[in-house]
Amino acid sequence: MEDLVVESTFGQDRARRRALIIGQQYLVYPMSPRKKKHRGRRGVIESFDDDFMPHFALVRFDDTNRLGKVDISDLMPAKPHHET
Protein backbone atom coordinates (compact mmCIF):
# COMPACT_ATOMS: atom_id res chain seq x y z
CA MET A 1 0.00 0.00 0.00
CA GLU A 2 1.15 3.48 -0.83
CA ASP A 3 0.91 6.13 1.86
CA LEU A 4 1.41 9.86 1.83
CA VAL A 5 1.99 12.31 4.67
CA VAL A 6 0.13 15.58 4.10
CA GLU A 7 0.30 18.85 5.99
CA SER A 8 -2.24 21.48 5.02
CA THR A 9 -2.86 24.92 6.41
CA PHE A 10 -5.68 27.42 6.19
CA GLY A 11 -5.16 30.88 7.57
CA GLN A 12 -2.35 31.41 10.02
CA ASP A 13 -3.10 29.18 12.98
CA ARG A 14 -5.01 26.14 11.71
CA ALA A 15 -3.06 23.17 10.39
CA ARG A 16 -3.67 19.46 9.76
CA ARG A 17 -1.09 16.72 9.47
CA ARG A 18 -2.03 13.14 8.64
CA ALA A 19 -1.03 10.14 6.57
CA LEU A 20 -3.22 9.25 3.60
CA ILE A 21 -3.29 5.58 2.62
CA ILE A 22 -4.80 4.09 -0.53
CA GLY A 23 -7.67 1.77 0.34
CA GLN A 24 -8.60 3.49 3.60
CA GLN A 25 -11.79 5.46 4.23
CA TYR A 26 -11.77 9.25 4.56
CA LEU A 27 -14.23 12.06 5.09
CA VAL A 28 -14.17 15.13 2.84
CA TYR A 29 -14.03 18.09 5.20
CA PRO A 30 -12.32 21.22 3.80
CA MET A 31 -10.90 23.75 6.27
CA SER A 32 -12.21 26.62 4.16
CA PRO A 33 -15.92 27.25 4.77
CA ARG A 34 -16.25 28.41 1.15
CA LYS A 35 -15.44 24.96 -0.27
CA LYS A 36 -18.77 23.18 -0.63
CA LYS A 37 -18.11 20.45 -3.20
CA HIS A 38 -18.16 16.94 -1.71
CA ARG A 39 -18.27 18.37 1.85
CA GLY A 40 -19.38 15.74 4.36
CA ARG A 41 -19.08 12.83 1.95
CA ARG A 42 -17.24 9.67 2.88
CA GLY A 43 -15.22 7.45 0.56
CA VAL A 44 -12.16 5.30 -0.08
CA ILE A 45 -8.98 6.58 -1.77
CA GLU A 46 -8.36 4.73 -5.04
CA SER A 47 -5.22 6.57 -6.23
CA PHE A 48 -3.33 9.86 -6.32
CA ASP A 49 -2.83 12.11 -9.36
CA ASP A 50 0.98 12.13 -9.07
CA ASP A 51 3.57 9.91 -7.40
CA PHE A 52 5.98 12.65 -6.35
CA MET A 53 3.84 15.59 -5.20
CA PRO A 54 0.13 14.81 -5.56
CA HIS A 55 -2.53 17.49 -5.23
CA PHE A 56 -5.64 15.38 -5.79
CA ALA A 57 -6.89 11.95 -4.80
CA LEU A 58 -9.40 9.83 -6.68
CA VAL A 59 -12.01 8.83 -4.13
CA ARG A 60 -14.81 6.28 -4.56
CA PHE A 61 -17.72 7.71 -2.60
CA ASP A 62 -19.83 5.39 -0.42
CA ASP A 63 -23.18 7.03 -1.20
CA THR A 64 -23.05 6.75 -5.01
CA ASN A 65 -20.13 4.34 -5.62
CA ARG A 66 -18.75 6.85 -8.14
CA LEU A 67 -15.24 8.26 -8.42
CA GLY A 68 -14.54 11.89 -7.62
CA LYS A 69 -11.45 14.08 -7.63
CA VAL A 70 -10.77 15.58 -4.20
CA ASP A 71 -8.04 17.95 -3.02
CA ILE A 72 -5.86 15.91 -0.65
CA SER A 73 -5.80 18.70 1.92
CA ASP A 74 -9.59 18.29 2.30
CA LEU A 75 -9.44 14.66 3.47
CA MET A 76 -9.69 13.58 7.10
CA PRO A 77 -9.65 10.00 8.44
CA ALA A 78 -13.21 8.76 8.82
CA LYS A 79 -14.35 7.18 12.04
CA PRO A 80 -15.91 3.77 11.48
CA HIS A 81 -19.67 3.93 11.36
CA HIS A 82 -22.09 1.05 11.81
CA GLU A 83 -25.01 0.70 9.45
CA THR A 84 -28.28 -0.43 10.99
PDB file of N, CA and C in Angstrom:
ATOM      1  N   MET A   1       0.831  -1.185   0.000  1.00  0.00           N
ATOM      2  CA  MET A   1       0.000   0.000   0.000  1.00  0.00           C
ATOM      3  C   MET A   1       0.872   1.243   0.000  1.00  0.00           C
ATOM      4  N   GLU A   2       0.421   2.219  -0.733  1.00  0.00           N
ATOM      5  CA  GLU A   2       1.146   3.483  -0.829  1.00  0.00           C
ATOM      6  C   GLU A   2       0.558   4.462   0.178  1.00  0.00           C
ATOM      7  N   ASP A   3       1.419   5.132   0.936  1.00  0.00           N
ATOM      8  CA  ASP A   3       0.912   6.126   1.862  1.00  0.00           C
ATOM      9  C   ASP A   3       1.597   7.454   1.621  1.00  0.00           C
ATOM     10  N   LEU A   4       0.971   8.505   2.093  1.00  0.00           N
ATOM     11  CA  LEU A   4       1.413   9.858   1.831  1.00  0.00           C
ATOM     12  C   LEU A   4       1.157  10.680   3.078  1.00  0.00           C
ATOM     13  N   VAL A   5       2.158  11.431   3.526  1.00  0.00           N
ATOM     14  CA  VAL A   5       1.988  12.312   4.674  1.00  0.00           C
ATOM     15  C   VAL A   5       1.693  13.713   4.146  1.00  0.00           C
ATOM     16  N   VAL A   6       0.591  14.291   4.603  1.00  0.00           N
ATOM     17  CA  VAL A   6       0.126  15.579   4.101  1.00  0.00           C
ATOM     18  C   VAL A   6       0.028  16.562   5.249  1.00  0.00           C
ATOM     19  N   GLU A   7       0.504  17.772   5.024  1.00  0.00           N
ATOM     20  CA  GLU A   7       0.301  18.849   5.985  1.00  0.00           C
ATOM     21  C   GLU A   7      -0.367  19.991   5.231  1.00  0.00           C
ATOM     22  N   SER A   8      -1.527  20.396   5.691  1.00  0.00           N
ATOM     23  CA  SER A   8      -2.237  21.479   5.025  1.00  0.00           C
ATOM     24  C   SER A   8      -2.554  22.570   6.033  1.00  0.00           C
ATOM     25  N   THR A   9      -2.574  23.795   5.550  1.00  0.00           N
ATOM     26  CA  THR A   9      -2.861  24.925   6.412  1.00  0.00           C
ATOM     27  C   THR A   9      -3.949  25.784   5.787  1.00  0.00           C
ATOM     28  N   PHE A  10      -4.691  26.454   6.637  1.00  0.00           N
ATOM     29  CA  PHE A  10      -5.682  27.420   6.191  1.00  0.00           C
ATOM     30  C   PHE A  10      -5.613  28.576   7.171  1.00  0.00           C
ATOM     31  N   GLY A  11      -5.350  29.754   6.678  1.00  0.00           N
ATOM     32  CA  GLY A  11      -5.161  30.885   7.567  1.00  0.00           C
ATOM     33  C   GLY A  11      -3.781  30.817   8.201  1.00  0.00           C
ATOM     34  N   GLN A  12      -3.659  31.376   9.381  1.00  0.00           N
ATOM     35  CA  GLN A  12      -2.354  31.408  10.024  1.00  0.00           C
ATOM     36  C   GLN A  12      -2.190  30.397  11.138  1.00  0.00           C
ATOM     37  N   ASP A  13      -3.263  30.005  11.789  1.00  0.00           N
ATOM     38  CA  ASP A  13      -3.095  29.180  12.975  1.00  0.00           C
ATOM     39  C   ASP A  13      -3.709  27.782  12.881  1.00  0.00           C
ATOM     40  N   ARG A  14      -4.417  27.468  11.811  1.00  0.00           N
ATOM     41  CA  ARG A  14      -5.014  26.142  11.707  1.00  0.00           C
ATOM     42  C   ARG A  14      -4.183  25.283  10.771  1.00  0.00           C
ATOM     43  N   ALA A  15      -3.854  24.082  11.214  1.00  0.00           N
ATOM     44  CA  ALA A  15      -3.064  23.167  10.391  1.00  0.00           C
ATOM     45  C   ALA A  15      -3.511  21.733  10.655  1.00  0.00           C
ATOM     46  N   ARG A  16      -3.379  20.891   9.646  1.00  0.00           N
ATOM     47  CA  ARG A  16      -3.669  19.462   9.758  1.00  0.00           C
ATOM     48  C   ARG A  16      -2.459  18.696   9.266  1.00  0.00           C
ATOM     49  N   ARG A  17      -2.155  17.610   9.919  1.00  0.00           N
ATOM     50  CA  ARG A  17      -1.091  16.724   9.470  1.00  0.00           C
ATOM     51  C   ARG A  17      -1.583  15.298   9.654  1.00  0.00           C
ATOM     52  N   ARG A  18      -1.557  14.522   8.582  1.00  0.00           N
ATOM     53  CA  ARG A  18      -2.028  13.142   8.644  1.00  0.00           C
ATOM     54  C   ARG A  18      -1.440  12.338   7.500  1.00  0.00           C
ATOM     55  N   ALA A  19      -1.482  11.036   7.631  1.00  0.00           N
ATOM     56  CA  ALA A  19      -1.028  10.138   6.574  1.00  0.00           C
ATOM     57  C   ALA A  19      -2.249   9.676   5.791  1.00  0.00           C
ATOM     58  N   LEU A  20      -2.150   9.727   4.471  1.00  0.00           N
ATOM     59  CA  LEU A  20      -3.224   9.245   3.602  1.00  0.00           C
ATOM     60  C   LEU A  20      -2.780   7.923   2.998  1.00  0.00           C
ATOM     61  N   ILE A  21      -3.629   6.920   3.078  1.00  0.00           N
ATOM     62  CA  ILE A  21      -3.294   5.579   2.620  1.00  0.00           C
ATOM     63  C   ILE A  21      -4.346   5.124   1.624  1.00  0.00           C
ATOM     64  N   ILE A  22      -3.887   4.622   0.485  1.00  0.00           N
ATOM     65  CA  ILE A  22      -4.796   4.092  -0.533  1.00  0.00           C
ATOM     66  C   ILE A  22      -5.534   2.896   0.059  1.00  0.00           C
ATOM     67  N   GLY A  23      -6.846   2.859  -0.149  1.00  0.00           N
ATOM     68  CA  GLY A  23      -7.671   1.766   0.338  1.00  0.00           C
ATOM     69  C   GLY A  23      -8.339   2.047   1.674  1.00  0.00           C
ATOM     70  N   GLN A  24      -7.981   3.152   2.332  1.00  0.00           N
ATOM     71  CA  GLN A  24      -8.605   3.494   3.602  1.00  0.00           C
ATOM     72  C   GLN A  24      -9.714   4.515   3.385  1.00  0.00           C
ATOM     73  N   GLN A  25     -10.634   4.579   4.346  1.00  0.00           N
ATOM     74  CA  GLN A  25     -11.793   5.456   4.225  1.00  0.00           C
ATOM     75  C   GLN A  25     -11.514   6.828   4.839  1.00  0.00           C
ATOM     76  N   TYR A  26     -11.976   7.865   4.134  1.00  0.00           N
ATOM     77  CA  TYR A  26     -11.768   9.247   4.563  1.00  0.00           C
ATOM     78  C   TYR A  26     -13.057  10.035   4.407  1.00  0.00           C
ATOM     79  N   LEU A  27     -13.114  11.134   5.137  1.00  0.00           N
ATOM     80  CA  LEU A  27     -14.232  12.064   5.091  1.00  0.00           C
ATOM     81  C   LEU A  27     -13.744  13.341   4.431  1.00  0.00           C
ATOM     82  N   VAL A  28     -14.527  13.869   3.501  1.00  0.00           N
ATOM     83  CA  VAL A  28     -14.170  15.127   2.844  1.00  0.00           C
ATOM     84  C   VAL A  28     -14.654  16.257   3.739  1.00  0.00           C
ATOM     85  N   TYR A  29     -13.694  16.993   4.298  1.00  0.00           N
ATOM     86  CA  TYR A  29     -14.026  18.088   5.200  1.00  0.00           C
ATOM     87  C   TYR A  29     -13.005  19.209   5.011  1.00  0.00           C
ATOM     88  N   PRO A  30     -13.250  20.119   4.053  1.00  0.00           N
ATOM     89  CA  PRO A  30     -12.316  21.217   3.801  1.00  0.00           C
ATOM     90  C   PRO A  30     -12.237  22.179   4.986  1.00  0.00           C
ATOM     91  N   MET A  31     -11.055  22.752   5.204  1.00  0.00           N
ATOM     92  CA  MET A  31     -10.897  23.749   6.267  1.00  0.00           C
ATOM     93  C   MET A  31     -11.564  25.062   5.892  1.00  0.00           C
ATOM     94  N   SER A  32     -11.597  25.383   4.615  1.00  0.00           N
ATOM     95  CA  SER A  32     -12.212  26.618   4.158  1.00  0.00           C
ATOM     96  C   SER A  32     -13.732  26.464   4.137  1.00  0.00           C
ATOM     97  N   PRO A  33     -14.463  27.348   4.793  1.00  0.00           N
ATOM     98  CA  PRO A  33     -15.919  27.251   4.772  1.00  0.00           C
ATOM     99  C   PRO A  33     -16.528  27.536   3.399  1.00  0.00           C
ATOM    100  N   ARG A  34     -15.752  28.109   2.500  1.00  0.00           N
ATOM    101  CA  ARG A  34     -16.250  28.409   1.153  1.00  0.00           C
ATOM    102  C   ARG A  34     -16.260  27.185   0.232  1.00  0.00           C
ATOM    103  N   LYS A  35     -15.473  26.176   0.558  1.00  0.00           N
ATOM    104  CA  LYS A  35     -15.438  24.963  -0.269  1.00  0.00           C
ATOM    105  C   LYS A  35     -16.639  24.094   0.075  1.00  0.00           C
ATOM    106  N   LYS A  36     -17.546  23.933  -0.873  1.00  0.00           N
ATOM    107  CA  LYS A  36     -18.774  23.185  -0.631  1.00  0.00           C
ATOM    108  C   LYS A  36     -18.795  21.826  -1.326  1.00  0.00           C
ATOM    109  N   LYS A  37     -18.041  21.671  -2.408  1.00  0.00           N
ATOM    110  CA  LYS A  37     -18.110  20.454  -3.203  1.00  0.00           C
ATOM    111  C   LYS A  37     -17.630  19.243  -2.402  1.00  0.00           C
ATOM    112  N   HIS A  38     -18.421  18.220  -2.373  1.00  0.00           N
ATOM    113  CA  HIS A  38     -18.159  16.942  -1.705  1.00  0.00           C
ATOM    114  C   HIS A  38     -18.078  17.058  -0.182  1.00  0.00           C
ATOM    115  N   ARG A  39     -18.370  18.199   0.393  1.00  0.00           N
ATOM    116  CA  ARG A  39     -18.272  18.372   1.854  1.00  0.00           C
ATOM    117  C   ARG A  39     -19.182  17.373   2.568  1.00  0.00           C
ATOM    118  N   GLY A  40     -18.613  16.682   3.561  1.00  0.00           N
ATOM    119  CA  GLY A  40     -19.378  15.743   4.363  1.00  0.00           C
ATOM    120  C   GLY A  40     -19.514  14.357   3.761  1.00  0.00           C
ATOM    121  N   ARG A  41     -18.980  14.140   2.578  1.00  0.00           N
ATOM    122  CA  ARG A  41     -19.082  12.827   1.952  1.00  0.00           C
ATOM    123  C   ARG A  41     -17.952  11.934   2.426  1.00  0.00           C
ATOM    124  N   ARG A  42     -18.198  10.661   2.414  1.00  0.00           N
ATOM    125  CA  ARG A  42     -17.241   9.669   2.883  1.00  0.00           C
ATOM    126  C   ARG A  42     -16.920   8.731   1.720  1.00  0.00           C
ATOM    127  N   GLY A  43     -15.625   8.338   1.643  1.00  0.00           N
ATOM    128  CA  GLY A  43     -15.222   7.449   0.556  1.00  0.00           C
ATOM    129  C   GLY A  43     -13.843   6.861   0.783  1.00  0.00           C
ATOM    130  N   VAL A  44     -13.432   6.009  -0.158  1.00  0.00           N
ATOM    131  CA  VAL A  44     -12.161   5.297  -0.084  1.00  0.00           C
ATOM    132  C   VAL A  44     -11.226   5.833  -1.158  1.00  0.00           C
ATOM    133  N   ILE A  45      -9.970   6.098  -0.795  1.00  0.00           N
ATOM    134  CA  ILE A  45      -8.979   6.578  -1.774  1.00  0.00           C
ATOM    135  C   ILE A  45      -8.606   5.440  -2.706  1.00  0.00           C
ATOM    136  N   GLU A  46      -8.741   5.693  -4.016  1.00  0.00           N
ATOM    137  CA  GLU A  46      -8.357   4.726  -5.044  1.00  0.00           C
ATOM    138  C   GLU A  46      -6.931   4.964  -5.527  1.00  0.00           C
ATOM    139  N   SER A  47      -6.565   6.243  -5.743  1.00  0.00           N
ATOM    140  CA  SER A  47      -5.222   6.573  -6.231  1.00  0.00           C
ATOM    141  C   SER A  47      -4.970   8.062  -6.053  1.00  0.00           C
ATOM    142  N   PHE A  48      -3.723   8.459  -6.342  1.00  0.00           N
ATOM    143  CA  PHE A  48      -3.330   9.858  -6.322  1.00  0.00           C
ATOM    144  C   PHE A  48      -3.004  10.300  -7.740  1.00  0.00           C
ATOM    145  N   ASP A  49      -3.066  11.610  -8.014  1.00  0.00           N
ATOM    146  CA  ASP A  49      -2.829  12.110  -9.364  1.00  0.00           C
ATOM    147  C   ASP A  49      -1.351  12.126  -9.749  1.00  0.00           C
ATOM    148  N   ASP A  50      -0.450  12.081  -8.780  1.00  0.00           N
ATOM    149  CA  ASP A  50       0.979  12.130  -9.066  1.00  0.00           C
ATOM    150  C   ASP A  50       1.701  11.320  -8.000  1.00  0.00           C
ATOM    151  N   ASP A  51       2.817  10.695  -8.364  1.00  0.00           N
ATOM    152  CA  ASP A  51       3.571   9.908  -7.397  1.00  0.00           C
ATOM    153  C   ASP A  51       4.470  10.765  -6.525  1.00  0.00           C
ATOM    154  N   PHE A  52       4.996  11.848  -7.073  1.00  0.00           N
ATOM    155  CA  PHE A  52       5.977  12.646  -6.353  1.00  0.00           C
ATOM    156  C   PHE A  52       5.326  13.676  -5.427  1.00  0.00           C
ATOM    157  N   MET A  53       4.519  14.560  -5.987  1.00  0.00           N
ATOM    158  CA  MET A  53       3.836  15.590  -5.197  1.00  0.00           C
ATOM    159  C   MET A  53       2.372  15.688  -5.617  1.00  0.00           C
ATOM    160  N   PRO A  54       1.538  14.785  -5.136  1.00  0.00           N
ATOM    161  CA  PRO A  54       0.132  14.808  -5.563  1.00  0.00           C
ATOM    162  C   PRO A  54      -0.639  15.975  -4.961  1.00  0.00           C
ATOM    163  N   HIS A  55      -1.635  16.439  -5.708  1.00  0.00           N
ATOM    164  CA  HIS A  55      -2.529  17.492  -5.233  1.00  0.00           C
ATOM    165  C   HIS A  55      -3.953  16.975  -5.064  1.00  0.00           C
ATOM    166  N   PHE A  56      -4.289  15.927  -5.809  1.00  0.00           N
ATOM    167  CA  PHE A  56      -5.640  15.384  -5.788  1.00  0.00           C
ATOM    168  C   PHE A  56      -5.612  13.882  -5.550  1.00  0.00           C
ATOM    169  N   ALA A  57      -6.700  13.380  -4.987  1.00  0.00           N
ATOM    170  CA  ALA A  57      -6.893  11.945  -4.802  1.00  0.00           C
ATOM    171  C   ALA A  57      -8.176  11.548  -5.516  1.00  0.00           C
ATOM    172  N   LEU A  58      -8.179  10.373  -6.129  1.00  0.00           N
ATOM    173  CA  LEU A  58      -9.401   9.827  -6.685  1.00  0.00           C
ATOM    174  C   LEU A  58     -10.072   9.031  -5.577  1.00  0.00           C
ATOM    175  N   VAL A  59     -11.286   9.430  -5.241  1.00  0.00           N
ATOM    176  CA  VAL A  59     -12.013   8.834  -4.126  1.00  0.00           C
ATOM    177  C   VAL A  59     -13.281   8.190  -4.650  1.00  0.00           C
ATOM    178  N   ARG A  60     -13.543   6.936  -4.238  1.00  0.00           N
ATOM    179  CA  ARG A  60     -14.809   6.278  -4.564  1.00  0.00           C
ATOM    180  C   ARG A  60     -15.744   6.522  -3.386  1.00  0.00           C
ATOM    181  N   PHE A  61     -16.805   7.309  -3.646  1.00  0.00           N
ATOM    182  CA  PHE A  61     -17.724   7.709  -2.595  1.00  0.00           C
ATOM    183  C   PHE A  61     -18.663   6.567  -2.219  1.00  0.00           C
ATOM    184  N   ASP A  62     -18.967   6.466  -0.927  1.00  0.00           N
ATOM    185  CA  ASP A  62     -19.827   5.395  -0.422  1.00  0.00           C
ATOM    186  C   ASP A  62     -21.281   5.562  -0.838  1.00  0.00           C
ATOM    187  N   ASP A  63     -21.752   6.808  -0.927  1.00  0.00           N
ATOM    188  CA  ASP A  63     -23.179   7.025  -1.196  1.00  0.00           C
ATOM    189  C   ASP A  63     -23.583   6.728  -2.635  1.00  0.00           C
ATOM    190  N   THR A  64     -22.696   6.967  -3.603  1.00  0.00           N
ATOM    191  CA  THR A  64     -23.052   6.751  -5.010  1.00  0.00           C
ATOM    192  C   THR A  64     -22.183   5.713  -5.700  1.00  0.00           C
ATOM    193  N   ASN A  65     -21.101   5.279  -5.056  1.00  0.00           N
ATOM    194  CA  ASN A  65     -20.135   4.336  -5.623  1.00  0.00           C
ATOM    195  C   ASN A  65     -19.467   4.885  -6.884  1.00  0.00           C
ATOM    196  N   ARG A  66     -19.409   6.191  -7.010  1.00  0.00           N
ATOM    197  CA  ARG A  66     -18.749   6.845  -8.140  1.00  0.00           C
ATOM    198  C   ARG A  66     -17.428   7.434  -7.703  1.00  0.00           C
ATOM    199  N   LEU A  67     -16.530   7.645  -8.693  1.00  0.00           N
ATOM    200  CA  LEU A  67     -15.242   8.259  -8.424  1.00  0.00           C
ATOM    201  C   LEU A  67     -15.357   9.775  -8.480  1.00  0.00           C
ATOM    202  N   GLY A  68     -14.609  10.442  -7.620  1.00  0.00           N
ATOM    203  CA  GLY A  68     -14.544  11.888  -7.624  1.00  0.00           C
ATOM    204  C   GLY A  68     -13.125  12.341  -7.346  1.00  0.00           C
ATOM    205  N   LYS A  69     -12.783  13.512  -7.824  1.00  0.00           N
ATOM    206  CA  LYS A  69     -11.451  14.083  -7.634  1.00  0.00           C
ATOM    207  C   LYS A  69     -11.526  15.061  -6.469  1.00  0.00           C
ATOM    208  N   VAL A  70     -10.710  14.801  -5.429  1.00  0.00           N
ATOM    209  CA  VAL A  70     -10.765  15.584  -4.198  1.00  0.00           C
ATOM    210  C   VAL A  70      -9.373  16.110  -3.878  1.00  0.00           C
ATOM    211  N   ASP A  71      -9.300  17.357  -3.472  1.00  0.00           N
ATOM    212  CA  ASP A  71      -8.042  17.945  -3.022  1.00  0.00           C
ATOM    213  C   ASP A  71      -7.574  17.185  -1.779  1.00  0.00           C
ATOM    214  N   ILE A  72      -6.320  16.740  -1.762  1.00  0.00           N
ATOM    215  CA  ILE A  72      -5.859  15.905  -0.646  1.00  0.00           C
ATOM    216  C   ILE A  72      -5.858  16.642   0.687  1.00  0.00           C
ATOM    217  N   SER A  73      -5.778  17.952   0.661  1.00  0.00           N
ATOM    218  CA  SER A  73      -5.803  18.702   1.920  1.00  0.00           C
ATOM    219  C   SER A  73      -7.198  18.722   2.546  1.00  0.00           C
ATOM    220  N   ASP A  74      -8.224  18.297   1.799  1.00  0.00           N
ATOM    221  CA  ASP A  74      -9.594  18.287   2.301  1.00  0.00           C
ATOM    222  C   ASP A  74     -10.001  16.960   2.932  1.00  0.00           C
ATOM    223  N   LEU A  75      -9.099  15.985   2.962  1.00  0.00           N
ATOM    224  CA  LEU A  75      -9.436  14.657   3.469  1.00  0.00           C
ATOM    225  C   LEU A  75      -9.039  14.496   4.930  1.00  0.00           C
ATOM    226  N   MET A  76      -9.949  13.899   5.688  1.00  0.00           N
ATOM    227  CA  MET A  76      -9.692  13.575   7.098  1.00  0.00           C
ATOM    228  C   MET A  76     -10.036  12.104   7.304  1.00  0.00           C
ATOM    229  N   PRO A  77      -9.297  11.405   8.168  1.00  0.00           N
ATOM    230  CA  PRO A  77      -9.647  10.004   8.437  1.00  0.00           C
ATOM    231  C   PRO A  77     -11.074   9.897   8.959  1.00  0.00           C
ATOM    232  N   ALA A  78     -11.821   8.952   8.411  1.00  0.00           N
ATOM    233  CA  ALA A  78     -13.212   8.761   8.819  1.00  0.00           C
ATOM    234  C   ALA A  78     -13.269   7.795   9.989  1.00  0.00           C
ATOM    235  N   LYS A  79     -14.109   8.107  10.940  1.00  0.00           N
ATOM    236  CA  LYS A  79     -14.347   7.177  12.044  1.00  0.00           C
ATOM    237  C   LYS A  79     -15.265   6.083  11.533  1.00  0.00           C
ATOM    238  N   PRO A  80     -15.028   4.860  11.944  1.00  0.00           N
ATOM    239  CA  PRO A  80     -15.907   3.771  11.476  1.00  0.00           C
ATOM    240  C   PRO A  80     -17.349   4.017  11.925  1.00  0.00           C
ATOM    241  N   HIS A  81     -18.256   3.793  11.010  1.00  0.00           N
ATOM    242  CA  HIS A  81     -19.671   3.926  11.365  1.00  0.00           C
ATOM    243  C   HIS A  81     -20.361   2.591  11.120  1.00  0.00           C
ATOM    244  N   HIS A  82     -21.364   2.311  11.897  1.00  0.00           N
ATOM    245  CA  HIS A  82     -22.087   1.052  11.809  1.00  0.00           C
ATOM    246  C   HIS A  82     -23.431   1.303  11.172  1.00  0.00           C
ATOM    247  N   GLU A  83     -23.717   0.553  10.111  1.00  0.00           N
ATOM    248  CA  GLU A  83     -25.009   0.701   9.453  1.00  0.00           C
ATOM    249  C   GLU A  83     -26.020  -0.177  10.154  1.00  0.00           C
ATOM    250  N   THR A  84     -27.235   0.334  10.328  1.00  0.00           N
ATOM    251  CA  THR A  84     -28.276  -0.428  10.987  1.00  0.00           C
ATOM    252  C   THR A  84     -29.316  -0.863  10.019  1.00  0.00           C
TER     253      THR A  84
END
